[in-house]
N, C-alpha and C. Protein backbone atom coordinates (compact mmCIF):
# COMPACT_ATOMS: atom_id res chain seq x y z
N MET A 1 21.85 87.86 163.22
CA MET A 1 20.79 87.26 162.46
C MET A 1 21.01 85.77 162.28
N GLY A 2 21.94 85.23 163.01
CA GLY A 2 22.15 83.81 162.95
C GLY A 2 23.05 83.37 161.81
N MET A 3 23.85 84.28 161.28
CA MET A 3 24.77 83.91 160.21
C MET A 3 26.09 84.65 160.42
N PRO A 4 27.20 84.01 160.07
CA PRO A 4 28.49 84.67 160.27
C PRO A 4 28.73 85.78 159.26
N LEU A 5 29.29 86.88 159.74
CA LEU A 5 29.65 88.01 158.89
C LEU A 5 30.93 88.59 159.47
N SER A 6 32.00 88.58 158.69
CA SER A 6 33.28 89.06 159.19
C SER A 6 33.70 90.33 158.47
N GLU A 7 34.75 90.97 158.96
CA GLU A 7 35.27 92.18 158.31
C GLU A 7 35.70 91.91 156.89
N ALA A 8 36.13 90.69 156.61
CA ALA A 8 36.56 90.33 155.26
C ALA A 8 35.40 90.33 154.27
N ASP A 9 34.17 90.26 154.76
CA ASP A 9 32.98 90.29 153.89
C ASP A 9 32.56 91.70 153.53
N LEU A 10 33.07 92.69 154.25
CA LEU A 10 32.63 94.07 154.09
C LEU A 10 33.50 94.84 153.10
N ASP A 11 32.83 95.63 152.27
CA ASP A 11 33.53 96.53 151.36
C ASP A 11 33.55 97.93 151.94
N GLU A 12 32.38 98.40 152.38
CA GLU A 12 32.26 99.76 152.90
C GLU A 12 31.13 99.82 153.92
N VAL A 13 31.33 100.58 154.98
CA VAL A 13 30.31 100.80 155.99
C VAL A 13 30.29 102.28 156.31
N SER A 14 29.11 102.91 156.23
CA SER A 14 29.03 104.34 156.51
C SER A 14 27.63 104.70 157.00
N HIS A 15 27.56 105.79 157.75
CA HIS A 15 26.27 106.35 158.17
C HIS A 15 25.77 107.27 157.08
N ILE A 16 24.46 107.39 156.96
CA ILE A 16 23.90 108.36 156.03
C ILE A 16 23.00 109.31 156.79
N GLY A 17 22.87 110.51 156.28
CA GLY A 17 22.01 111.49 156.92
C GLY A 17 22.81 112.44 157.80
N SER A 18 22.08 113.37 158.40
CA SER A 18 22.72 114.36 159.27
C SER A 18 22.55 113.95 160.72
N LYS A 19 23.29 114.61 161.60
CA LYS A 19 23.21 114.28 163.03
C LYS A 19 21.92 114.78 163.66
N ARG A 20 21.23 115.70 163.00
CA ARG A 20 19.96 116.20 163.49
C ARG A 20 18.86 115.79 162.52
N PRO A 21 18.37 114.58 162.65
CA PRO A 21 17.38 114.11 161.69
C PRO A 21 16.04 114.83 161.84
N THR A 22 15.39 115.04 160.72
CA THR A 22 14.06 115.65 160.75
C THR A 22 12.99 114.58 160.86
N GLN A 23 13.34 113.34 160.55
CA GLN A 23 12.38 112.25 160.65
C GLN A 23 12.39 111.69 162.07
N PRO A 24 11.23 111.63 162.71
CA PRO A 24 11.19 111.14 164.10
C PRO A 24 11.60 109.69 164.23
N TRP A 25 11.49 108.88 163.17
CA TRP A 25 11.84 107.46 163.27
C TRP A 25 13.34 107.25 163.40
N LEU A 26 14.15 108.31 163.19
CA LEU A 26 15.60 108.16 163.33
C LEU A 26 16.05 108.30 164.78
N ALA A 27 15.21 108.85 165.63
CA ALA A 27 15.58 109.01 167.04
C ALA A 27 15.50 107.68 167.75
N THR A 28 16.38 107.47 168.70
CA THR A 28 16.35 106.22 169.46
C THR A 28 15.25 106.28 170.50
N ARG A 29 15.00 105.16 171.14
CA ARG A 29 13.96 105.10 172.17
C ARG A 29 14.23 106.05 173.33
N THR A 30 15.49 106.34 173.57
CA THR A 30 15.83 107.19 174.71
C THR A 30 15.72 108.67 174.36
N GLY A 31 15.34 108.98 173.11
CA GLY A 31 15.22 110.37 172.71
C GLY A 31 16.51 110.93 172.16
N ASN A 32 17.53 110.14 172.06
CA ASN A 32 18.81 110.59 171.53
C ASN A 32 18.75 110.57 170.02
N ASN A 33 19.03 111.70 169.37
CA ASN A 33 18.95 111.79 167.91
C ASN A 33 20.25 111.40 167.23
N GLU A 34 21.14 110.70 167.89
CA GLU A 34 22.41 110.33 167.30
C GLU A 34 22.34 109.05 166.49
N SER A 35 21.22 108.35 166.52
CA SER A 35 21.08 107.11 165.78
C SER A 35 20.82 107.42 164.30
N LEU A 36 21.75 107.02 163.45
CA LEU A 36 21.63 107.27 162.02
C LEU A 36 21.60 105.95 161.26
N PRO A 37 20.94 105.94 160.11
CA PRO A 37 20.96 104.72 159.30
C PRO A 37 22.39 104.36 158.90
N LEU A 38 22.65 103.09 158.83
CA LEU A 38 23.98 102.58 158.49
C LEU A 38 23.88 101.85 157.16
N VAL A 39 24.78 102.20 156.24
CA VAL A 39 24.83 101.53 154.94
C VAL A 39 26.00 100.57 154.96
N VAL A 40 25.73 99.32 154.65
CA VAL A 40 26.77 98.29 154.62
C VAL A 40 26.84 97.73 153.21
N LYS A 41 28.00 97.84 152.59
CA LYS A 41 28.21 97.31 151.25
C LYS A 41 29.10 96.07 151.39
N LEU A 42 28.60 94.94 150.90
CA LEU A 42 29.34 93.69 150.99
C LEU A 42 30.14 93.44 149.72
N LEU A 43 31.20 92.68 149.85
CA LEU A 43 32.06 92.40 148.70
C LEU A 43 31.42 91.45 147.70
N ARG A 44 30.71 90.46 148.20
CA ARG A 44 30.13 89.45 147.31
C ARG A 44 28.61 89.51 147.32
N ARG A 45 28.03 89.40 146.14
CA ARG A 45 26.57 89.42 146.01
C ARG A 45 25.95 88.23 146.73
N GLN A 46 26.61 87.10 146.71
CA GLN A 46 26.10 85.90 147.37
C GLN A 46 25.92 86.15 148.87
N LYS A 47 26.87 86.81 149.50
CA LYS A 47 26.78 87.11 150.93
C LYS A 47 25.64 88.10 151.19
N ARG A 48 25.48 89.09 150.30
CA ARG A 48 24.39 90.06 150.42
C ARG A 48 23.05 89.34 150.35
N ASP A 49 22.93 88.42 149.41
CA ASP A 49 21.69 87.65 149.28
C ASP A 49 21.41 86.83 150.53
N GLU A 50 22.45 86.27 151.13
CA GLU A 50 22.29 85.51 152.38
C GLU A 50 21.81 86.40 153.51
N VAL A 51 22.37 87.61 153.61
CA VAL A 51 21.97 88.55 154.66
C VAL A 51 20.51 88.95 154.48
N VAL A 52 20.12 89.28 153.25
CA VAL A 52 18.73 89.67 152.98
C VAL A 52 17.78 88.52 153.30
N LYS A 53 18.15 87.30 152.90
CA LYS A 53 17.31 86.13 153.17
C LYS A 53 17.17 85.89 154.68
N ALA A 54 18.28 86.02 155.41
CA ALA A 54 18.25 85.83 156.86
C ALA A 54 17.39 86.91 157.53
N ALA A 55 17.48 88.13 157.04
CA ALA A 55 16.69 89.23 157.60
C ALA A 55 15.20 89.02 157.37
N ARG A 56 14.85 88.51 156.20
CA ARG A 56 13.43 88.27 155.90
C ARG A 56 12.86 87.15 156.76
N SER A 57 13.68 86.17 157.09
CA SER A 57 13.19 85.05 157.89
C SER A 57 13.15 85.39 159.38
N ARG A 58 13.87 86.42 159.79
CA ARG A 58 13.89 86.86 161.19
C ARG A 58 13.43 88.31 161.26
N ARG A 59 12.15 88.51 161.36
CA ARG A 59 11.58 89.86 161.29
C ARG A 59 11.85 90.70 162.54
N ASN A 60 12.11 90.08 163.69
CA ASN A 60 12.25 90.82 164.94
C ASN A 60 13.70 90.86 165.43
N VAL A 61 14.62 91.19 164.55
CA VAL A 61 16.03 91.28 164.91
C VAL A 61 16.27 92.60 165.62
N THR A 62 17.02 92.55 166.74
CA THR A 62 17.34 93.77 167.48
C THR A 62 18.84 93.91 167.63
N SER A 63 19.26 95.07 168.09
CA SER A 63 20.68 95.35 168.30
C SER A 63 21.16 94.89 169.67
N GLU A 64 20.40 94.06 170.32
CA GLU A 64 20.67 93.63 171.70
C GLU A 64 22.10 93.11 171.90
N ASN A 65 22.59 92.26 171.02
CA ASN A 65 23.92 91.67 171.18
C ASN A 65 25.00 92.37 170.35
N ILE A 66 24.65 93.50 169.76
CA ILE A 66 25.60 94.20 168.88
C ILE A 66 26.18 95.44 169.54
N THR A 67 25.34 96.24 170.19
CA THR A 67 25.79 97.50 170.77
C THR A 67 25.54 97.53 172.28
N MET A 68 26.11 98.52 172.92
CA MET A 68 25.93 98.69 174.36
C MET A 68 24.72 99.56 174.68
N THR A 69 24.07 100.12 173.66
CA THR A 69 22.90 100.97 173.86
C THR A 69 21.66 100.09 174.03
N PRO A 70 20.54 100.68 174.46
CA PRO A 70 19.32 99.89 174.58
C PRO A 70 18.96 99.23 173.25
N ALA A 71 18.39 98.05 173.33
CA ALA A 71 18.07 97.29 172.12
C ALA A 71 17.07 98.03 171.25
N GLN A 72 17.38 98.07 169.95
CA GLN A 72 16.50 98.68 168.96
C GLN A 72 16.27 97.68 167.84
N LYS A 73 15.13 97.76 167.22
CA LYS A 73 14.83 96.88 166.10
C LYS A 73 15.73 97.26 164.93
N ILE A 74 16.23 96.26 164.22
CA ILE A 74 17.08 96.48 163.05
C ILE A 74 16.25 96.23 161.80
N TYR A 75 16.30 97.18 160.88
CA TYR A 75 15.62 97.06 159.60
C TYR A 75 16.67 96.94 158.51
N ILE A 76 16.43 96.03 157.58
CA ILE A 76 17.36 95.85 156.47
C ILE A 76 16.60 96.11 155.18
N TYR A 77 17.11 97.08 154.42
CA TYR A 77 16.52 97.44 153.13
C TYR A 77 17.60 97.36 152.07
N GLU A 78 17.18 97.07 150.85
CA GLU A 78 18.11 97.16 149.74
C GLU A 78 18.15 98.63 149.32
N ARG A 79 19.33 99.14 149.11
CA ARG A 79 19.49 100.54 148.73
C ARG A 79 19.34 100.64 147.21
N LEU A 80 18.24 101.25 146.78
CA LEU A 80 17.92 101.34 145.36
C LEU A 80 17.96 102.78 144.88
N THR A 81 18.22 102.96 143.59
CA THR A 81 18.13 104.29 142.99
C THR A 81 16.66 104.68 142.95
N LYS A 82 16.40 105.95 142.75
CA LYS A 82 15.02 106.45 142.68
C LYS A 82 14.25 105.74 141.57
N ALA A 83 14.87 105.56 140.41
CA ALA A 83 14.20 104.90 139.29
C ALA A 83 13.85 103.46 139.64
N ASN A 84 14.76 102.74 140.29
CA ASN A 84 14.50 101.36 140.68
C ASN A 84 13.46 101.27 141.80
N GLN A 85 13.43 102.26 142.70
CA GLN A 85 12.39 102.30 143.73
C GLN A 85 11.02 102.44 143.09
N ASP A 86 10.91 103.34 142.10
CA ASP A 86 9.65 103.55 141.41
C ASP A 86 9.22 102.29 140.66
N LEU A 87 10.17 101.64 140.00
CA LEU A 87 9.88 100.41 139.28
C LEU A 87 9.39 99.31 140.23
N LEU A 88 10.06 99.15 141.36
CA LEU A 88 9.65 98.15 142.35
C LEU A 88 8.26 98.46 142.88
N ARG A 89 7.96 99.72 143.14
CA ARG A 89 6.64 100.13 143.63
C ARG A 89 5.56 99.77 142.60
N GLU A 90 5.84 100.06 141.32
CA GLU A 90 4.87 99.74 140.26
C GLU A 90 4.61 98.24 140.17
N ILE A 91 5.66 97.45 140.28
CA ILE A 91 5.52 95.99 140.20
C ILE A 91 4.70 95.47 141.37
N ARG A 92 4.92 96.00 142.56
CA ARG A 92 4.16 95.55 143.73
C ARG A 92 2.69 95.91 143.65
N LEU A 93 2.35 97.01 142.95
CA LEU A 93 0.96 97.45 142.85
C LEU A 93 0.18 96.71 141.79
N ARG A 94 0.87 95.99 140.90
CA ARG A 94 0.18 95.25 139.85
C ARG A 94 -0.57 94.05 140.44
N PRO A 95 -1.76 93.79 139.88
CA PRO A 95 -2.55 92.65 140.39
C PRO A 95 -1.99 91.32 139.99
């Protein structure tokens, strides 16, 4: 995304979900269902804010230079609790 990110910036990295996703959007373009969402937890909030800002400014980021598999679009979301998701949804719907 045009910004440096090293192992020292990472706290935890893990996949979420099962290997057989029921959602079709989890399958890769090649039909392989092994592509799972990846959760990345950063050590510093400042670095997280930089990543989110960079992701918002570059909407068409792909995995082209990251993995050996065919390029896929990368989506970056903030991981929120159910209550915070509902609150954010309500705020967005307000005029």
